[in-house]
Amino acid sequence: MNGYEKLVKELLLKHGYKLVRTGKGSHEIWASEKGVSVAVNHACKSRDTANSIMKSTGIAQTYRVKIKLSDEPKIRYSCFVNRCGVQTFLSELQTSPILRGRVTCFESSPSK
């Protein structure tokens, strides 16, 4: 599995979607009990594609991400990230040469 495929499939399963059949090329067709169907690509590498799939299923959600830096205790950064973007944001935090070792607090919660 590449990129976001595993995350997308986990979210679909969690929300009651089931694999119906394999589609054309490298796609799978997933459907819910309500009759909503969606195609998932095996090489879902793009966050935008993953979020588009989530949006078409009606389970897209935006998260508010907050971080606090150890050397700047009064300054807090926050931004909005969609569901599949939280994973990317976390990995970018860990690999960023500017932020590495400086993040003391990380919080993500669904925005309303």
N, C-alpha and C. Protein backbone atom coordinates (compact mmCIF):
# COMPACT_ATOMS: atom_id res chain seq x y z
N MET A 1 0.84 -1.19 0.00
CA MET A 1 0.00 0.00 0.00
C MET A 1 0.88 1.24 0.00
N ASN A 2 0.54 2.19 -0.81
CA ASN A 2 1.30 3.43 -0.91
C ASN A 2 0.50 4.59 -0.36
N GLY A 3 1.19 5.57 0.19
CA GLY A 3 0.57 6.83 0.57
C GLY A 3 -0.59 6.69 1.53
N TYR A 4 -1.75 7.16 1.10
CA TYR A 4 -2.92 7.27 1.96
C TYR A 4 -3.91 6.12 1.81
N GLU A 5 -3.60 5.14 1.00
CA GLU A 5 -4.55 4.06 0.73
C GLU A 5 -4.98 3.36 2.02
N LYS A 6 -4.03 3.03 2.88
CA LYS A 6 -4.34 2.32 4.12
C LYS A 6 -5.25 3.17 5.01
N LEU A 7 -4.93 4.44 5.16
CA LEU A 7 -5.72 5.34 5.98
C LEU A 7 -7.13 5.48 5.44
N VAL A 8 -7.26 5.65 4.12
CA VAL A 8 -8.58 5.79 3.50
C VAL A 8 -9.41 4.54 3.73
N LYS A 9 -8.80 3.38 3.53
CA LYS A 9 -9.54 2.12 3.70
C LYS A 9 -9.96 1.91 5.16
N GLU A 10 -9.10 2.27 6.10
CA GLU A 10 -9.45 2.15 7.51
C GLU A 10 -10.64 3.03 7.85
N LEU A 11 -10.64 4.26 7.33
CA LEU A 11 -11.74 5.17 7.59
C LEU A 11 -13.05 4.69 6.95
N LEU A 12 -12.94 4.14 5.75
CA LEU A 12 -14.13 3.61 5.09
C LEU A 12 -14.72 2.44 5.89
N LEU A 13 -13.86 1.53 6.33
CA LEU A 13 -14.32 0.40 7.13
C LEU A 13 -14.97 0.87 8.44
N LYS A 14 -14.34 1.85 9.05
CA LYS A 14 -14.85 2.39 10.32
C LYS A 14 -16.24 2.99 10.16
N HIS A 15 -16.52 3.54 8.99
CA HIS A 15 -17.81 4.18 8.73
C HIS A 15 -18.79 3.27 8.00
N GLY A 16 -18.53 1.98 8.00
CA GLY A 16 -19.49 1.02 7.47
C GLY A 16 -19.43 0.75 5.98
N TYR A 17 -18.37 1.15 5.34
CA TYR A 17 -18.20 0.86 3.91
C TYR A 17 -17.59 -0.53 3.75
N LYS A 18 -17.95 -1.19 2.67
CA LYS A 18 -17.41 -2.53 2.37
C LYS A 18 -16.93 -2.58 0.94
N LEU A 19 -15.90 -3.38 0.73
CA LEU A 19 -15.37 -3.58 -0.62
C LEU A 19 -16.39 -4.36 -1.43
N VAL A 20 -16.83 -3.78 -2.54
CA VAL A 20 -17.84 -4.42 -3.38
C VAL A 20 -17.18 -5.25 -4.47
N ARG A 21 -16.22 -4.63 -5.17
CA ARG A 21 -15.56 -5.32 -6.28
C ARG A 21 -14.31 -4.54 -6.66
N THR A 22 -13.50 -5.18 -7.48
CA THR A 22 -12.36 -4.45 -8.05
C THR A 22 -12.86 -3.70 -9.27
N GLY A 23 -12.33 -2.54 -9.45
CA GLY A 23 -12.75 -1.71 -10.58
C GLY A 23 -11.74 -1.79 -11.71
N LYS A 24 -11.83 -0.83 -12.60
CA LYS A 24 -10.93 -0.79 -13.75
C LYS A 24 -9.54 -0.34 -13.31
N GLY A 25 -8.55 -0.98 -13.85
CA GLY A 25 -7.17 -0.60 -13.53
C GLY A 25 -6.82 -0.94 -12.09
N SER A 26 -6.34 0.03 -11.36
CA SER A 26 -5.91 -0.20 -9.98
C SER A 26 -6.92 0.34 -8.97
N HIS A 27 -8.19 0.29 -9.30
CA HIS A 27 -9.22 0.83 -8.42
C HIS A 27 -10.04 -0.27 -7.76
N GLU A 28 -10.58 0.07 -6.60
CA GLU A 28 -11.54 -0.79 -5.91
C GLU A 28 -12.80 0.04 -5.68
N ILE A 29 -13.95 -0.61 -5.76
CA ILE A 29 -15.22 0.07 -5.53
C ILE A 29 -15.71 -0.31 -4.14
N TRP A 30 -15.93 0.71 -3.32
CA TRP A 30 -16.43 0.53 -1.96
C TRP A 30 -17.83 1.13 -1.89
N ALA A 31 -18.70 0.54 -1.08
CA ALA A 31 -20.07 1.05 -0.95
C ALA A 31 -20.54 0.96 0.50
N SER A 32 -21.44 1.86 0.84
CA SER A 32 -22.05 1.84 2.17
C SER A 32 -23.43 1.19 2.08
N GLU A 33 -24.02 0.93 3.22
CA GLU A 33 -25.36 0.35 3.25
C GLU A 33 -26.40 1.32 2.69
N LYS A 34 -26.07 2.61 2.70
CA LYS A 34 -26.99 3.63 2.19
C LYS A 34 -26.93 3.73 0.67
N GLY A 35 -26.02 3.00 0.05
CA GLY A 35 -25.92 3.00 -1.40
C GLY A 35 -24.91 3.97 -1.98
N VAL A 36 -24.16 4.65 -1.13
CA VAL A 36 -23.11 5.57 -1.60
C VAL A 36 -21.89 4.73 -1.97
N SER A 37 -21.40 4.90 -3.19
CA SER A 37 -20.21 4.15 -3.60
C SER A 37 -19.08 5.10 -3.98
N VAL A 38 -17.86 4.60 -3.85
CA VAL A 38 -16.68 5.42 -4.12
C VAL A 38 -15.57 4.52 -4.65
N ALA A 39 -14.75 5.06 -5.55
CA ALA A 39 -13.61 4.32 -6.10
C ALA A 39 -12.35 4.73 -5.35
N VAL A 40 -11.56 3.74 -4.93
CA VAL A 40 -10.31 3.99 -4.22
C VAL A 40 -9.17 3.43 -5.06
N ASN A 41 -8.20 4.27 -5.35
CA ASN A 41 -7.04 3.89 -6.14
C ASN A 41 -6.00 3.22 -5.24
N HIS A 42 -5.34 2.17 -5.73
CA HIS A 42 -4.30 1.49 -4.95
C HIS A 42 -3.10 2.38 -4.70
N ALA A 43 -2.84 3.31 -5.57
CA ALA A 43 -1.69 4.20 -5.43
C ALA A 43 -2.14 5.60 -5.01
N CYS A 44 -2.93 5.67 -3.96
CA CYS A 44 -3.47 6.95 -3.47
C CYS A 44 -2.36 7.69 -2.71
N LYS A 45 -1.49 8.37 -3.45
CA LYS A 45 -0.33 9.04 -2.85
C LYS A 45 -0.63 10.48 -2.46
N SER A 46 -1.64 11.07 -3.04
CA SER A 46 -1.92 12.47 -2.82
C SER A 46 -2.91 12.68 -1.68
N ARG A 47 -2.58 13.60 -0.79
CA ARG A 47 -3.50 13.96 0.29
C ARG A 47 -4.79 14.52 -0.28
N ASP A 48 -4.69 15.28 -1.36
CA ASP A 48 -5.87 15.86 -1.98
C ASP A 48 -6.81 14.79 -2.51
N THR A 49 -6.26 13.74 -3.10
CA THR A 49 -7.09 12.63 -3.60
C THR A 49 -7.77 11.93 -2.44
N ALA A 50 -7.03 11.68 -1.38
CA ALA A 50 -7.60 11.01 -0.20
C ALA A 50 -8.72 11.84 0.40
N ASN A 51 -8.52 13.14 0.51
CA ASN A 51 -9.55 14.00 1.08
C ASN A 51 -10.75 14.12 0.14
N SER A 52 -10.52 14.05 -1.16
CA SER A 52 -11.61 14.07 -2.12
C SER A 52 -12.48 12.82 -1.96
N ILE A 53 -11.83 11.68 -1.76
CA ILE A 53 -12.58 10.43 -1.53
C ILE A 53 -13.41 10.56 -0.26
N MET A 54 -12.80 11.07 0.80
CA MET A 54 -13.53 11.23 2.07
C MET A 54 -14.70 12.20 1.92
N LYS A 55 -14.48 13.26 1.16
CA LYS A 55 -15.54 14.25 0.96
C LYS A 55 -16.71 13.64 0.18
N SER A 56 -16.41 12.83 -0.82
CA SER A 56 -17.48 12.24 -1.62
C SER A 56 -18.30 11.22 -0.83
N THR A 57 -17.69 10.66 0.22
CA THR A 57 -18.43 9.72 1.06
C THR A 57 -19.24 10.43 2.14
N GLY A 58 -18.94 11.69 2.35
CA GLY A 58 -19.66 12.44 3.38
C GLY A 58 -19.04 12.32 4.76
N ILE A 59 -17.83 11.78 4.85
CA ILE A 59 -17.18 11.65 6.15
C ILE A 59 -15.93 12.52 6.26
N ALA A 60 -15.84 13.52 5.42
CA ALA A 60 -14.69 14.44 5.50
C ALA A 60 -14.79 15.25 6.78
N GLN A 61 -13.67 15.49 7.40
CA GLN A 61 -13.66 16.25 8.64
C GLN A 61 -12.37 17.05 8.71
N THR A 62 -12.47 18.25 9.22
CA THR A 62 -11.31 19.10 9.36
C THR A 62 -10.87 19.08 10.82
N TYR A 63 -9.55 19.05 11.03
CA TYR A 63 -9.01 19.04 12.37
C TYR A 63 -8.27 20.34 12.63
N ARG A 64 -8.39 20.84 13.85
CA ARG A 64 -7.61 22.01 14.26
C ARG A 64 -6.37 21.46 14.96
N VAL A 65 -5.21 21.82 14.46
CA VAL A 65 -3.94 21.34 15.00
C VAL A 65 -3.25 22.49 15.72
N LYS A 66 -2.82 22.22 16.96
CA LYS A 66 -2.13 23.25 17.74
C LYS A 66 -0.78 22.70 18.18
N ILE A 67 0.25 23.54 18.07
CA ILE A 67 1.56 23.15 18.57
C ILE A 67 2.12 24.29 19.42
N LYS A 68 2.97 23.94 20.37
CA LYS A 68 3.64 24.92 21.20
C LYS A 68 5.13 24.60 21.18
N LEU A 69 5.96 25.61 21.02
CA LEU A 69 7.40 25.41 20.94
C LEU A 69 8.05 25.61 22.30
N SER A 70 9.07 24.80 22.58
CA SER A 70 9.73 24.84 23.89
C SER A 70 10.48 26.15 24.14
N ASP A 71 11.09 26.72 23.11
CA ASP A 71 11.88 27.93 23.30
C ASP A 71 11.05 29.21 23.15
N GLU A 72 9.79 29.09 22.79
CA GLU A 72 8.89 30.24 22.70
C GLU A 72 7.58 29.87 23.41
N PRO A 73 7.58 29.81 24.75
CA PRO A 73 6.43 29.29 25.49
C PRO A 73 5.14 30.09 25.32
N LYS A 74 5.25 31.36 25.01
CA LYS A 74 4.03 32.17 24.89
C LYS A 74 3.43 32.12 23.49
N ILE A 75 4.18 31.60 22.53
CA ILE A 75 3.70 31.57 21.15
C ILE A 75 3.16 30.18 20.83
N ARG A 76 1.94 30.15 20.36
CA ARG A 76 1.33 28.89 19.94
C ARG A 76 0.91 29.03 18.49
N TYR A 77 1.10 27.99 17.74
CA TYR A 77 0.72 27.96 16.34
C TYR A 77 -0.49 27.06 16.18
N SER A 78 -1.42 27.47 15.38
CA SER A 78 -2.54 26.58 15.09
C SER A 78 -2.91 26.71 13.62
N CYS A 79 -3.43 25.64 13.08
CA CYS A 79 -3.86 25.65 11.69
C CYS A 79 -4.95 24.60 11.52
N PHE A 80 -5.63 24.65 10.42
CA PHE A 80 -6.65 23.68 10.11
C PHE A 80 -6.11 22.69 9.09
N VAL A 81 -6.28 21.42 9.37
CA VAL A 81 -5.79 20.34 8.52
C VAL A 81 -6.93 19.35 8.34
N ASN A 82 -7.11 18.83 7.13
CA ASN A 82 -8.17 17.84 6.97
C ASN A 82 -7.69 16.48 7.46
N ARG A 83 -8.65 15.54 7.55
CA ARG A 83 -8.43 14.26 8.21
C ARG A 83 -7.13 13.57 7.77
N CYS A 84 -6.91 13.45 6.50
CA CYS A 84 -5.71 12.76 6.00
C CYS A 84 -4.47 13.62 6.14
N GLY A 85 -4.64 14.92 6.31
CA GLY A 85 -3.51 15.82 6.45
C GLY A 85 -2.85 15.78 7.81
N VAL A 86 -3.56 15.28 8.84
CA VAL A 86 -2.99 15.22 10.18
C VAL A 86 -1.76 14.32 10.19
N GLN A 87 -1.85 13.18 9.54
CA GLN A 87 -0.73 12.24 9.47
C GLN A 87 0.48 12.89 8.78
N THR A 88 0.24 13.58 7.69
CA THR A 88 1.31 14.27 6.96
C THR A 88 1.91 15.37 7.82
N PHE A 89 1.06 16.11 8.51
CA PHE A 89 1.51 17.21 9.36
C PHE A 89 2.44 16.67 10.46
N LEU A 90 2.07 15.55 11.07
CA LEU A 90 2.89 14.95 12.12
C LEU A 90 4.26 14.54 11.59
N SER A 91 4.29 13.91 10.42
CA SER A 91 5.57 13.48 9.87
C SER A 91 6.43 14.67 9.47
N GLU A 92 5.80 15.75 8.99
CA GLU A 92 6.57 16.95 8.64
C GLU A 92 7.13 17.62 9.88
N LEU A 93 6.38 17.58 10.99
CA LEU A 93 6.88 18.14 12.25
C LEU A 93 8.13 17.41 12.71
N GLN A 94 8.11 16.10 12.59
CA GLN A 94 9.22 15.29 13.07
C GLN A 94 10.47 15.42 12.20
N THR A 95 10.30 15.74 10.92
CA THR A 95 11.44 15.81 10.02
C THR A 95 11.92 17.24 9.74
N SER A 96 11.16 18.23 10.15
CA SER A 96 11.52 19.61 9.88
C SER A 96 12.77 20.01 10.67
N PRO A 97 13.82 20.50 9.98
CA PRO A 97 15.02 20.90 10.71
C PRO A 97 14.78 22.12 11.59
N ILE A 98 13.81 22.93 11.25
CA ILE A 98 13.51 24.12 12.04
C ILE A 98 12.77 23.77 13.32
N LEU A 99 11.85 22.81 13.25
CA LEU A 99 11.00 22.48 14.40
C LEU A 99 11.47 21.26 15.19
N ARG A 100 12.40 20.50 14.67
CA ARG A 100 12.84 19.27 15.33
C ARG A 100 13.33 19.56 16.75
N GLY A 101 12.75 18.88 17.72
CA GLY A 101 13.14 19.04 19.11
C GLY A 101 12.54 20.24 19.81
N ARG A 102 11.81 21.07 19.10
CA ARG A 102 11.26 22.29 19.70
C ARG A 102 9.78 22.16 20.07
N VAL A 103 9.09 21.16 19.54
CA VAL A 103 7.66 21.02 19.79
C VAL A 103 7.46 20.35 21.14
N THR A 104 6.82 21.08 22.08
CA THR A 104 6.56 20.51 23.40
C THR A 104 5.13 20.05 23.57
N CYS A 105 4.26 20.56 22.77
CA CYS A 105 2.84 20.21 22.91
C CYS A 105 2.23 20.09 21.53
N PHE A 106 1.53 19.01 21.28
CA PHE A 106 0.84 18.83 20.01
C PHE A 106 -0.57 18.36 20.33
N GLU A 107 -1.54 18.98 19.72
CA GLU A 107 -2.93 18.62 19.98
C GLU A 107 -3.71 18.72 18.68
N SER A 108 -4.55 17.74 18.41
CA SER A 108 -5.43 17.84 17.25
C SER A 108 -6.83 17.46 17.70
N SER A 109 -7.78 18.27 17.31
CA SER A 109 -9.16 18.01 17.68
C SER A 109 -10.07 18.37 16.51
N PRO A 110 -11.20 17.67 16.36
CA PRO A 110 -12.13 18.01 15.28
C PRO A 110 -12.64 19.43 15.45
N SER A 111 -12.64 20.19 14.38
CA SER A 111 -13.18 21.55 14.43
C SER A 111 -14.68 21.49 14.18
N LYS A 112 -15.35 22.49 14.66
CA LYS A 112 -16.81 22.50 14.51
C LYS A 112 -17.25 23.61 13.60
